[in-house]
Amino acid sequence: MADVQVKKNEDAHRYEAYIDGEQVGFAEYQLTHKLIVFTHTEVDDRCEGMGVGSTLAREALDDVRREGTHEVVPLCPFIKSWIEHHPDYQDLVHVAPHSTAKD
């Protein structure tokens, strides 16, 4: 496991992962009034298997939990899969209400 630091870059709408001051990954998001939509996560190939993606997901979701103002929509396959494998984060996921629309 590498020593990964995660920083929120609000201007770029993403969480960024760093090792020794060098950016090695990111998780992009879009915000609405009540939702944070994770759209894409990327980790440098040379850092695969070092826990960068997992640390990035955990730190980003912990930040969302701390802020307490948004529910998560995990469109990004990596973030979605990570949440599915970590049930203690599933409470952050937005559940759309059932539609009452009729033909």
PDB file of N, CA and C in Angstrom:
ATOM      1  N   MET A   1       0.838  -1.182   0.000  1.00  0.00           N
ATOM      2  CA  MET A   1       0.000   0.000   0.000  1.00  0.00           C
ATOM      3  C   MET A   1       0.879   1.240   0.000  1.00  0.00           C
ATOM      4  N   ALA A   2       0.616   2.112  -0.934  1.00  0.00           N
ATOM      5  CA  ALA A   2       1.365   3.367  -1.004  1.00  0.00           C
ATOM      6  C   ALA A   2       0.755   4.381  -0.039  1.00  0.00           C
ATOM      7  N   ASP A   3       1.527   5.387   0.319  1.00  0.00           N
ATOM      8  CA  ASP A   3       1.036   6.480   1.154  1.00  0.00           C
ATOM      9  C   ASP A   3       0.355   7.486   0.239  1.00  0.00           C
ATOM     10  N   VAL A   4      -0.960   7.383   0.135  1.00  0.00           N
ATOM     11  CA  VAL A   4      -1.740   8.188  -0.802  1.00  0.00           C
ATOM     12  C   VAL A   4      -2.444   9.310  -0.045  1.00  0.00           C
ATOM     13  N   GLN A   5      -2.279  10.529  -0.535  1.00  0.00           N
ATOM     14  CA  GLN A   5      -3.021  11.666  -0.007  1.00  0.00           C
ATOM     15  C   GLN A   5      -4.085  12.040  -1.026  1.00  0.00           C
ATOM     16  N   VAL A   6      -5.273  12.381  -0.526  1.00  0.00           N
ATOM     17  CA  VAL A   6      -6.382  12.771  -1.401  1.00  0.00           C
ATOM     18  C   VAL A   6      -6.773  14.201  -1.078  1.00  0.00           C
ATOM     19  N   LYS A   7      -6.905  15.000  -2.134  1.00  0.00           N
ATOM     20  CA  LYS A   7      -7.296  16.402  -1.989  1.00  0.00           C
ATOM     21  C   LYS A   7      -8.501  16.670  -2.869  1.00  0.00           C
ATOM     22  N   LYS A   8      -9.416  17.470  -2.346  1.00  0.00           N
ATOM     23  CA  LYS A   8     -10.577  17.879  -3.139  1.00  0.00           C
ATOM     24  C   LYS A   8     -10.199  19.125  -3.924  1.00  0.00           C
ATOM     25  N   ASN A   9     -10.358  19.058  -5.239  1.00  0.00           N
ATOM     26  CA  ASN A   9     -10.100  20.194  -6.120  1.00  0.00           C
ATOM     27  C   ASN A   9     -11.458  20.680  -6.618  1.00  0.00           C
ATOM     28  N   GLU A  10     -12.057  21.606  -5.875  1.00  0.00           N
ATOM     29  CA  GLU A  10     -13.408  22.068  -6.207  1.00  0.00           C
ATOM     30  C   GLU A  10     -13.465  22.750  -7.561  1.00  0.00           C
ATOM     31  N   ASP A  11     -12.418  23.483  -7.946  1.00  0.00           N
ATOM     32  CA  ASP A  11     -12.413  24.180  -9.235  1.00  0.00           C
ATOM     33  C   ASP A  11     -12.483  23.200 -10.410  1.00  0.00           C
ATOM     34  N   ALA A  12     -11.827  22.049 -10.264  1.00  0.00           N
ATOM     35  CA  ALA A  12     -11.814  21.038 -11.328  1.00  0.00           C
ATOM     36  C   ALA A  12     -12.920  20.004 -11.154  1.00  0.00           C
ATOM     37  N   HIS A  13     -13.694  20.089 -10.059  1.00  0.00           N
ATOM     38  CA  HIS A  13     -14.770  19.139  -9.755  1.00  0.00           C
ATOM     39  C   HIS A  13     -14.249  17.708  -9.704  1.00  0.00           C
ATOM     40  N   ARG A  14     -13.233  17.524  -8.868  1.00  0.00           N
ATOM     41  CA  ARG A  14     -12.698  16.179  -8.707  1.00  0.00           C
ATOM     42  C   ARG A  14     -11.893  16.059  -7.424  1.00  0.00           C
ATOM     43  N   TYR A  15     -11.758  14.813  -6.998  1.00  0.00           N
ATOM     44  CA  TYR A  15     -10.858  14.469  -5.904  1.00  0.00           C
ATOM     45  C   TYR A  15      -9.591  13.944  -6.564  1.00  0.00           C
ATOM     46  N   GLU A  16      -8.444  14.364  -6.064  1.00  0.00           N
ATOM     47  CA  GLU A  16      -7.178  13.991  -6.677  1.00  0.00           C
ATOM     48  C   GLU A  16      -6.320  13.200  -5.691  1.00  0.00           C
ATOM     49  N   ALA A  17      -5.675  12.166  -6.197  1.00  0.00           N
ATOM     50  CA  ALA A  17      -4.799  11.319  -5.382  1.00  0.00           C
ATOM     51  C   ALA A  17      -3.345  11.661  -5.694  1.00  0.00           C
ATOM     52  N   TYR A  18      -2.544  11.758  -4.637  1.00  0.00           N
ATOM     53  CA  TYR A  18      -1.130  12.100  -4.764  1.00  0.00           C
ATOM     54  C   TYR A  18      -0.274  11.108  -3.998  1.00  0.00           C
ATOM     55  N   ILE A  19       0.880  10.794  -4.581  1.00  0.00           N
ATOM     56  CA  ILE A  19       1.932  10.035  -3.894  1.00  0.00           C
ATOM     57  C   ILE A  19       3.196  10.878  -4.001  1.00  0.00           C
ATOM     58  N   ASP A  20       3.780  11.185  -2.861  1.00  0.00           N
ATOM     59  CA  ASP A  20       4.993  12.013  -2.815  1.00  0.00           C
ATOM     60  C   ASP A  20       4.826  13.309  -3.609  1.00  0.00           C
ATOM     61  N   GLY A  21       3.651  13.930  -3.497  1.00  0.00           N
ATOM     62  CA  GLY A  21       3.400  15.215  -4.149  1.00  0.00           C
ATOM     63  C   GLY A  21       3.053  15.145  -5.622  1.00  0.00           C
ATOM     64  N   GLU A  22       3.061  13.954  -6.203  1.00  0.00           N
ATOM     65  CA  GLU A  22       2.752  13.787  -7.624  1.00  0.00           C
ATOM     66  C   GLU A  22       1.340  13.237  -7.788  1.00  0.00           C
ATOM     67  N   GLN A  23       0.553  13.894  -8.634  1.00  0.00           N
ATOM     68  CA  GLN A  23      -0.812  13.420  -8.869  1.00  0.00           C
ATOM     69  C   GLN A  23      -0.770  12.102  -9.639  1.00  0.00           C
ATOM     70  N   VAL A  24      -1.482  11.092  -9.090  1.00  0.00           N
ATOM     71  CA  VAL A  24      -1.472   9.764  -9.697  1.00  0.00           C
ATOM     72  C   VAL A  24      -2.873   9.239  -9.992  1.00  0.00           C
ATOM     73  N   GLY A  25      -3.887  10.051  -9.707  1.00  0.00           N
ATOM     74  CA  GLY A  25      -5.253   9.622  -9.991  1.00  0.00           C
ATOM     75  C   GLY A  25      -6.251  10.696  -9.637  1.00  0.00           C
ATOM     76  N   PHE A  26      -7.490  10.465 -10.072  1.00  0.00           N
ATOM     77  CA  PHE A  26      -8.562  11.404  -9.757  1.00  0.00           C
ATOM     78  C   PHE A  26      -9.916  10.728  -9.895  1.00  0.00           C
ATOM     79  N   ALA A  27     -10.897  11.307  -9.223  1.00  0.00           N
ATOM     80  CA  ALA A  27     -12.299  10.891  -9.341  1.00  0.00           C
ATOM     81  C   ALA A  27     -13.103  12.154  -9.633  1.00  0.00           C
ATOM     82  N   GLU A  28     -13.647  12.233 -10.846  1.00  0.00           N
ATOM     83  CA  GLU A  28     -14.413  13.413 -11.258  1.00  0.00           C
ATOM     84  C   GLU A  28     -15.850  13.308 -10.770  1.00  0.00           C
ATOM     85  N   TYR A  29     -16.444  14.472 -10.519  1.00  0.00           N
ATOM     86  CA  TYR A  29     -17.830  14.513 -10.087  1.00  0.00           C
ATOM     87  C   TYR A  29     -18.532  15.740 -10.639  1.00  0.00           C
ATOM     88  N   GLN A  30     -19.857  15.680 -10.628  1.00  0.00           N
ATOM     89  CA  GLN A  30     -20.716  16.816 -10.943  1.00  0.00           C
ATOM     90  C   GLN A  30     -21.642  17.014  -9.762  1.00  0.00           C
ATOM     91  N   LEU A  31     -21.952  18.262  -9.474  1.00  0.00           N
ATOM     92  CA  LEU A  31     -22.820  18.569  -8.348  1.00  0.00           C
ATOM     93  C   LEU A  31     -24.161  19.108  -8.812  1.00  0.00           C
ATOM     94  N   THR A  32     -25.202  18.699  -8.108  1.00  0.00           N
ATOM     95  CA  THR A  32     -26.497  19.351  -8.208  1.00  0.00           C
ATOM     96  C   THR A  32     -26.796  19.861  -6.805  1.00  0.00           C
ATOM     97  N   HIS A  33     -27.964  20.377  -6.607  1.00  0.00           N
ATOM     98  CA  HIS A  33     -28.320  20.918  -5.300  1.00  0.00           C
ATOM     99  C   HIS A  33     -28.204  19.861  -4.200  1.00  0.00           C
ATOM    100  N   LYS A  34     -28.613  18.617  -4.500  1.00  0.00           N
ATOM    101  CA  LYS A  34     -28.628  17.571  -3.476  1.00  0.00           C
ATOM    102  C   LYS A  34     -27.790  16.340  -3.817  1.00  0.00           C
ATOM    103  N   LEU A  35     -27.224  16.303  -5.021  1.00  0.00           N
ATOM    104  CA  LEU A  35     -26.519  15.103  -5.461  1.00  0.00           C
ATOM    105  C   LEU A  35     -25.073  15.401  -5.837  1.00  0.00           C
ATOM    106  N   ILE A  36     -24.200  14.427  -5.575  1.00  0.00           N
ATOM    107  CA  ILE A  36     -22.859  14.440  -6.126  1.00  0.00           C
ATOM    108  C   ILE A  36     -22.770  13.210  -7.023  1.00  0.00           C
ATOM    109  N   VAL A  37     -22.558  13.445  -8.301  1.00  0.00           N
ATOM    110  CA  VAL A  37     -22.557  12.384  -9.305  1.00  0.00           C
ATOM    111  C   VAL A  37     -21.109  12.084  -9.676  1.00  0.00           C
ATOM    112  N   PHE A  38     -20.613  10.916  -9.268  1.00  0.00           N
ATOM    113  CA  PHE A  38     -19.261  10.515  -9.646  1.00  0.00           C
ATOM    114  C   PHE A  38     -19.313   9.952 -11.059  1.00  0.00           C
ATOM    115  N   THR A  39     -18.559  10.577 -11.970  1.00  0.00           N
ATOM    116  CA  THR A  39     -18.655  10.244 -13.390  1.00  0.00           C
ATOM    117  C   THR A  39     -17.470   9.457 -13.941  1.00  0.00           C
ATOM    118  N   HIS A  40     -16.289   9.636 -13.353  1.00  0.00           N
ATOM    119  CA  HIS A  40     -15.109   8.983 -13.930  1.00  0.00           C
ATOM    120  C   HIS A  40     -13.992   8.931 -12.894  1.00  0.00           C
ATOM    121  N   THR A  41     -13.327   7.799 -12.809  1.00  0.00           N
ATOM    122  CA  THR A  41     -12.164   7.643 -11.940  1.00  0.00           C
ATOM    123  C   THR A  41     -11.025   7.091 -12.771  1.00  0.00           C
ATOM    124  N   GLU A  42      -9.840   7.624 -12.525  1.00  0.00           N
ATOM    125  CA  GLU A  42      -8.672   7.195 -13.284  1.00  0.00           C
ATOM    126  C   GLU A  42      -7.458   7.138 -12.371  1.00  0.00           C
ATOM    127  N   VAL A  43      -6.656   6.080 -12.522  1.00  0.00           N
ATOM    128  CA  VAL A  43      -5.409   5.922 -11.769  1.00  0.00           C
ATOM    129  C   VAL A  43      -4.312   5.614 -12.777  1.00  0.00           C
ATOM    130  N   ASP A  44      -3.153   6.259 -12.611  1.00  0.00           N
ATOM    131  CA  ASP A  44      -2.017   5.993 -13.494  1.00  0.00           C
ATOM    132  C   ASP A  44      -1.725   4.493 -13.530  1.00  0.00           C
ATOM    133  N   ASP A  45      -1.439   3.988 -14.719  1.00  0.00           N
ATOM    134  CA  ASP A  45      -1.148   2.560 -14.890  1.00  0.00           C
ATOM    135  C   ASP A  45      -0.021   2.090 -13.971  1.00  0.00           C
ATOM    136  N   ARG A  46       0.981   2.909 -13.767  1.00  0.00           N
ATOM    137  CA  ARG A  46       2.136   2.511 -12.950  1.00  0.00           C
ATOM    138  C   ARG A  46       1.775   2.367 -11.473  1.00  0.00           C
ATOM    139  N   CYS A  47       0.582   2.836 -11.100  1.00  0.00           N
ATOM    140  CA  CYS A  47       0.151   2.757  -9.699  1.00  0.00           C
ATOM    141  C   CYS A  47      -0.935   1.710  -9.474  1.00  0.00           C
ATOM    142  N   GLU A  48      -1.263   0.959 -10.504  1.00  0.00           N
ATOM    143  CA  GLU A  48      -2.274  -0.087 -10.370  1.00  0.00           C
ATOM    144  C   GLU A  48      -1.844  -1.084  -9.300  1.00  0.00           C
ATOM    145  N   GLY A  49      -2.805  -1.506  -8.488  1.00  0.00           N
ATOM    146  CA  GLY A  49      -2.538  -2.485  -7.454  1.00  0.00           C
ATOM    147  C   GLY A  49      -1.890  -1.931  -6.194  1.00  0.00           C
ATOM    148  N   MET A  50      -1.750  -0.612  -6.125  1.00  0.00           N
ATOM    149  CA  MET A  50      -1.119   0.012  -4.964  1.00  0.00           C
ATOM    150  C   MET A  50      -2.141   0.601  -3.997  1.00  0.00           C
ATOM    151  N   GLY A  51      -3.436   0.393  -4.266  1.00  0.00           N
ATOM    152  CA  GLY A  51      -4.470   0.903  -3.379  1.00  0.00           C
ATOM    153  C   GLY A  51      -4.870   2.343  -3.623  1.00  0.00           C
ATOM    154  N   VAL A  52      -4.403   2.918  -4.722  1.00  0.00           N
ATOM    155  CA  VAL A  52      -4.709   4.316  -5.011  1.00  0.00           C
ATOM    156  C   VAL A  52      -6.202   4.507  -5.251  1.00  0.00           C
ATOM    157  N   GLY A  53      -6.789   3.673  -6.089  1.00  0.00           N
ATOM    158  CA  GLY A  53      -8.214   3.791  -6.395  1.00  0.00           C
ATOM    159  C   GLY A  53      -9.080   3.606  -5.163  1.00  0.00           C
ATOM    160  N   SER A  54      -8.762   2.615  -4.359  1.00  0.00           N
ATOM    161  CA  SER A  54      -9.537   2.372  -3.138  1.00  0.00           C
ATOM    162  C   SER A  54      -9.421   3.531  -2.157  1.00  0.00           C
ATOM    163  N   THR A  55      -8.214   4.051  -1.989  1.00  0.00           N
ATOM    164  CA  THR A  55      -8.026   5.188  -1.093  1.00  0.00           C
ATOM    165  C   THR A  55      -8.775   6.403  -1.612  1.00  0.00           C
ATOM    166  N   LEU A  56      -8.706   6.618  -2.910  1.00  0.00           N
ATOM    167  CA  LEU A  56      -9.415   7.738  -3.542  1.00  0.00           C
ATOM    168  C   LEU A  56     -10.915   7.628  -3.307  1.00  0.00           C
ATOM    169  N   ALA A  57     -11.486   6.460  -3.544  1.00  0.00           N
ATOM    170  CA  ALA A  57     -12.927   6.254  -3.339  1.00  0.00           C
ATOM    171  C   ALA A  57     -13.296   6.460  -1.874  1.00  0.00           C
ATOM    172  N   ARG A  58     -12.555   5.845  -0.977  1.00  0.00           N
ATOM    173  CA  ARG A  58     -12.857   5.947   0.456  1.00  0.00           C
ATOM    174  C   ARG A  58     -12.779   7.397   0.933  1.00  0.00           C
ATOM    175  N   GLU A  59     -11.714   8.091   0.593  1.00  0.00           N
ATOM    176  CA  GLU A  59     -11.536   9.473   1.046  1.00  0.00           C
ATOM    177  C   GLU A  59     -12.607  10.403   0.461  1.00  0.00           C
ATOM    178  N   ALA A  60     -12.940  10.219  -0.813  1.00  0.00           N
ATOM    179  CA  ALA A  60     -13.974  11.050  -1.443  1.00  0.00           C
ATOM    180  C   ALA A  60     -15.321  10.814  -0.767  1.00  0.00           C
ATOM    181  N   LEU A  61     -15.662   9.552  -0.553  1.00  0.00           N
ATOM    182  CA  LEU A  61     -16.948   9.234   0.073  1.00  0.00           C
ATOM    183  C   LEU A  61     -16.981   9.642   1.540  1.00  0.00           C
ATOM    184  N   ASP A  62     -15.863   9.535   2.229  1.00  0.00           N
ATOM    185  CA  ASP A  62     -15.796  10.025   3.605  1.00  0.00           C
ATOM    186  C   ASP A  62     -16.033  11.531   3.644  1.00  0.00           C
ATOM    187  N   ASP A  63     -15.496  12.246   2.666  1.00  0.00           N
ATOM    188  CA  ASP A  63     -15.697  13.690   2.594  1.00  0.00           C
ATOM    189  C   ASP A  63     -17.166  14.022   2.348  1.00  0.00           C
ATOM    190  N   VAL A  64     -17.806  13.280   1.453  1.00  0.00           N
ATOM    191  CA  VAL A  64     -19.239  13.475   1.200  1.00  0.00           C
ATOM    192  C   VAL A  64     -20.021  13.240   2.489  1.00  0.00           C
ATOM    193  N   ARG A  65     -19.681  12.197   3.203  1.00  0.00           N
ATOM    194  CA  ARG A  65     -20.365  11.886   4.465  1.00  0.00           C
ATOM    195  C   ARG A  65     -20.158  13.010   5.487  1.00  0.00           C
ATOM    196  N   ARG A  66     -18.924  13.494   5.615  1.00  0.00           N
ATOM    197  CA  ARG A  66     -18.630  14.571   6.570  1.00  0.00           C
ATOM    198  C   ARG A  66     -19.432  15.828   6.245  1.00  0.00           C
ATOM    199  N   GLU A  67     -19.496  16.178   4.956  1.00  0.00           N
ATOM    200  CA  GLU A  67     -20.227  17.386   4.563  1.00  0.00           C
ATOM    201  C   GLU A  67     -21.721  17.220   4.808  1.00  0.00           C
ATOM    202  N   GLY A  68     -22.244  16.020   4.575  1.00  0.00           N
ATOM    203  CA  GLY A  68     -23.634  15.712   4.884  1.00  0.00           C
ATOM    204  C   GLY A  68     -24.679  16.454   4.065  1.00  0.00           C
ATOM    205  N   THR A  69     -24.305  16.997   2.924  1.00  0.00           N
ATOM    206  CA  THR A  69     -25.246  17.792   2.134  1.00  0.00           C
ATOM    207  C   THR A  69     -25.664  17.154   0.817  1.00  0.00           C
ATOM    208  N   HIS A  70     -25.004  16.070   0.423  1.00  0.00           N
ATOM    209  CA  HIS A  70     -25.284  15.449  -0.877  1.00  0.00           C
ATOM    210  C   HIS A  70     -25.439  13.937  -0.745  1.00  0.00           C
ATOM    211  N   GLU A  71     -26.270  13.384  -1.625  1.00  0.00           N
ATOM    212  CA  GLU A  71     -26.334  11.934  -1.808  1.00  0.00           C
ATOM    213  C   GLU A  71     -25.506  11.601  -3.036  1.00  0.00           C
ATOM    214  N   VAL A  72     -25.003  10.384  -3.096  1.00  0.00           N
ATOM    215  CA  VAL A  72     -24.090   9.953  -4.155  1.00  0.00           C
ATOM    216  C   VAL A  72     -24.846   9.233  -5.271  1.00  0.00           C
ATOM    217  N   VAL A  73     -24.511   9.598  -6.503  1.00  0.00           N
ATOM    218  CA  VAL A  73     -24.957   8.851  -7.680  1.00  0.00           C
ATOM    219  C   VAL A  73     -23.674   8.314  -8.326  1.00  0.00           C
ATOM    220  N   PRO A  74     -23.400   7.016  -8.184  1.00  0.00           N
ATOM    221  CA  PRO A  74     -22.144   6.453  -8.691  1.00  0.00           C
ATOM    222  C   PRO A  74     -22.267   5.983 -10.146  1.00  0.00           C
ATOM    223  N   LEU A  75     -22.206   6.923 -11.094  1.00  0.00           N
ATOM    224  CA  LEU A  75     -22.227   6.547 -12.514  1.00  0.00           C
ATOM    225  C   LEU A  75     -20.913   5.900 -12.929  1.00  0.00           C
ATOM    226  N   CYS A  76     -19.831   6.298 -12.294  1.00  0.00           N
ATOM    227  CA  CYS A  76     -18.517   5.725 -12.579  1.00  0.00           C
ATOM    228  C   CYS A  76     -18.514   4.260 -12.159  1.00  0.00           C
ATOM    229  N   PRO A  77     -18.173   3.349 -13.062  1.00  0.00           N
ATOM    230  CA  PRO A  77     -18.174   1.919 -12.727  1.00  0.00           C
ATOM    231  C   PRO A  77     -17.263   1.573 -11.550  1.00  0.00           C
ATOM    232  N   PHE A  78     -16.118   2.247 -11.417  1.00  0.00           N
ATOM    233  CA  PHE A  78     -15.213   1.939 -10.315  1.00  0.00           C
ATOM    234  C   PHE A  78     -15.839   2.325  -8.982  1.00  0.00           C
ATOM    235  N   ILE A  79     -16.362   3.546  -8.878  1.00  0.00           N
ATOM    236  CA  ILE A  79     -16.976   4.007  -7.629  1.00  0.00           C
ATOM    237  C   ILE A  79     -18.187   3.135  -7.298  1.00  0.00           C
ATOM    238  N   LYS A  80     -18.982   2.806  -8.304  1.00  0.00           N
ATOM    239  CA  LYS A  80     -20.154   1.957  -8.085  1.00  0.00           C
ATOM    240  C   LYS A  80     -19.747   0.600  -7.521  1.00  0.00           C
ATOM    241  N   SER A  81     -18.756  -0.018  -8.127  1.00  0.00           N
ATOM    242  CA  SER A  81     -18.283  -1.324  -7.672  1.00  0.00           C
ATOM    243  C   SER A  81     -17.687  -1.233  -6.272  1.00  0.00           C
ATOM    244  N   TRP A  82     -16.939  -0.176  -6.004  1.00  0.00           N
ATOM    245  CA  TRP A  82     -16.320  -0.012  -4.690  1.00  0.00           C
ATOM    246  C   TRP A  82     -17.391   0.075  -3.610  1.00  0.00           C
ATOM    247  N   ILE A  83     -18.439   0.850  -3.877  1.00  0.00           N
ATOM    248  CA  ILE A  83     -19.534   0.974  -2.909  1.00  0.00           C
ATOM    249  C   ILE A  83     -20.223  -0.374  -2.710  1.00  0.00           C
ATOM    250  N   GLU A  84     -20.441  -1.118  -3.786  1.00  0.00           N
ATOM    251  CA  GLU A  84     -21.089  -2.426  -3.683  1.00  0.00           C
ATOM    252  C   GLU A  84     -20.280  -3.378  -2.803  1.00  0.00           C
ATOM    253  N   HIS A  85     -18.952  -3.234  -2.807  1.00  0.00           N
ATOM    254  CA  HIS A  85     -18.079  -4.090  -1.999  1.00  0.00           C
ATOM    255  C   HIS A  85     -17.832  -3.553  -0.591  1.00  0.00           C
ATOM    256  N   HIS A  86     -18.361  -2.384  -0.301  1.00  0.00           N
ATOM    257  CA  HIS A  86     -18.201  -1.764   1.024  1.00  0.00           C
ATOM    258  C   HIS A  86     -19.572  -1.296   1.499  1.00  0.00           C
ATOM    259  N   PRO A  87     -20.364  -2.219   2.044  1.00  0.00           N
ATOM    260  CA  PRO A  87     -21.753  -1.929   2.410  1.00  0.00           C
ATOM    261  C   PRO A  87     -21.937  -0.753   3.365  1.00  0.00           C
ATOM    262  N   ASP A  88     -20.904  -0.431   4.145  1.00  0.00           N
ATOM    263  CA  ASP A  88     -21.040   0.681   5.078  1.00  0.00           C
ATOM    264  C   ASP A  88     -21.083   2.043   4.371  1.00  0.00           C
ATOM    265  N   TYR A  89     -20.921   2.069   3.047  1.00  0.00           N
ATOM    266  CA  TYR A  89     -21.032   3.302   2.274  1.00  0.00           C
ATOM    267  C   TYR A  89     -22.318   3.352   1.444  1.00  0.00           C
ATOM    268  N   GLN A  90     -23.084   2.272   1.437  1.00  0.00           N
ATOM    269  CA  GLN A  90     -24.281   2.223   0.605  1.00  0.00           C
ATOM    270  C   GLN A  90     -25.367   3.193   1.050  1.00  0.00           C
ATOM    271  N   ASP A  91     -25.317   3.627   2.317  1.00  0.00           N
ATOM    272  CA  ASP A  91     -26.304   4.598   2.785  1.00  0.00           C
ATOM    273  C   ASP A  91     -26.133   5.969   2.129  1.00  0.00           C
ATOM    274  N   LEU A  92     -24.980   6.217   1.508  1.00  0.00           N
ATOM    275  CA  LEU A  92     -24.749   7.487   0.822  1.00  0.00           C
ATOM    276  C   LEU A  92     -25.407   7.548  -0.553  1.00  0.00           C
ATOM    277  N   VAL A  93     -25.763   6.394  -1.102  1.00  0.00           N
ATOM    278  CA  VAL A  93     -26.260   6.316  -2.481  1.00  0.00           C
ATOM    279  C   VAL A  93     -27.700   6.808  -2.572  1.00  0.00           C
ATOM    280  N   HIS A  94     -27.916   7.681  -3.519  1.00  0.00           N
ATOM    281  CA  HIS A  94     -29.256   8.214  -3.782  1.00  0.00           C
ATOM    282  C   HIS A  94     -30.148   7.114  -4.347  1.00  0.00           C
ATOM    283  N   VAL A  95     -31.334   7.004  -3.792  1.00  0.00           N
ATOM    284  CA  VAL A  95     -32.326   6.058  -4.295  1.00  0.00           C
ATOM    285  C   VAL A  95     -33.467   6.881  -4.873  1.00  0.00           C
ATOM    286  N   ALA A  96     -33.667   6.749  -6.169  1.00  0.00           N
ATOM    287  CA  ALA A  96     -34.725   7.520  -6.833  1.00  0.00           C
ATOM    288  C   ALA A  96     -36.088   7.005  -6.383  1.00  0.00           C
ATOM    289  N   PRO A  97     -37.011   7.928  -6.138  1.00  0.00           N
ATOM    290  CA  PRO A  97     -38.359   7.488  -5.738  1.00  0.00           C
ATOM    291  C   PRO A  97     -39.054   6.761  -6.901  1.00  0.00           C
ATOM    292  N   HIS A  98     -39.968   5.897  -6.553  1.00  0.00           N
ATOM    293  CA  HIS A  98     -40.724   5.192  -7.578  1.00  0.00           C
ATOM    294  C   HIS A  98     -41.587   6.184  -8.347  1.00  0.00           C
ATOM    295  N   SER A  99     -41.663   5.987  -9.623  1.00  0.00           N
ATOM    296  CA  SER A  99     -42.440   6.871 -10.476  1.00  0.00           C
ATOM    297  C   SER A  99     -43.945   6.631 -10.280  1.00  0.00           C
ATOM    298  N   THR A 100     -44.682   7.700 -10.322  1.00  0.00           N
ATOM    299  CA  THR A 100     -46.143   7.611 -10.288  1.00  0.00           C
ATOM    300  C   THR A 100     -46.739   7.952 -11.643  1.00  0.00           C
ATOM    301  N   ALA A 101     -45.872   8.067 -12.652  1.00  0.00           N
ATOM    302  CA  ALA A 101     -46.332   8.400 -13.997  1.00  0.00           C
ATOM    303  C   ALA A 101     -47.174   7.256 -14.580  1.00  0.00           C
ATOM    304  N   LYS A 102     -48.203   7.620 -15.322  1.00  0.00           N
ATOM    305  CA  LYS A 102     -49.081   6.637 -15.973  1.00  0.00           C
ATOM    306  C   LYS A 102     -49.228   6.999 -17.437  1.00  0.00           C
ATOM    307  N   ASP A 103     -49.538   5.963 -18.234  1.00  0.00           N
ATOM    308  CA  ASP A 103     -49.762   6.189 -19.662  1.00  0.00           C
ATOM    309  C   ASP A 103     -51.002   7.018 -19.881  1.00  0.00           C
TER     310      ASP A 103
END
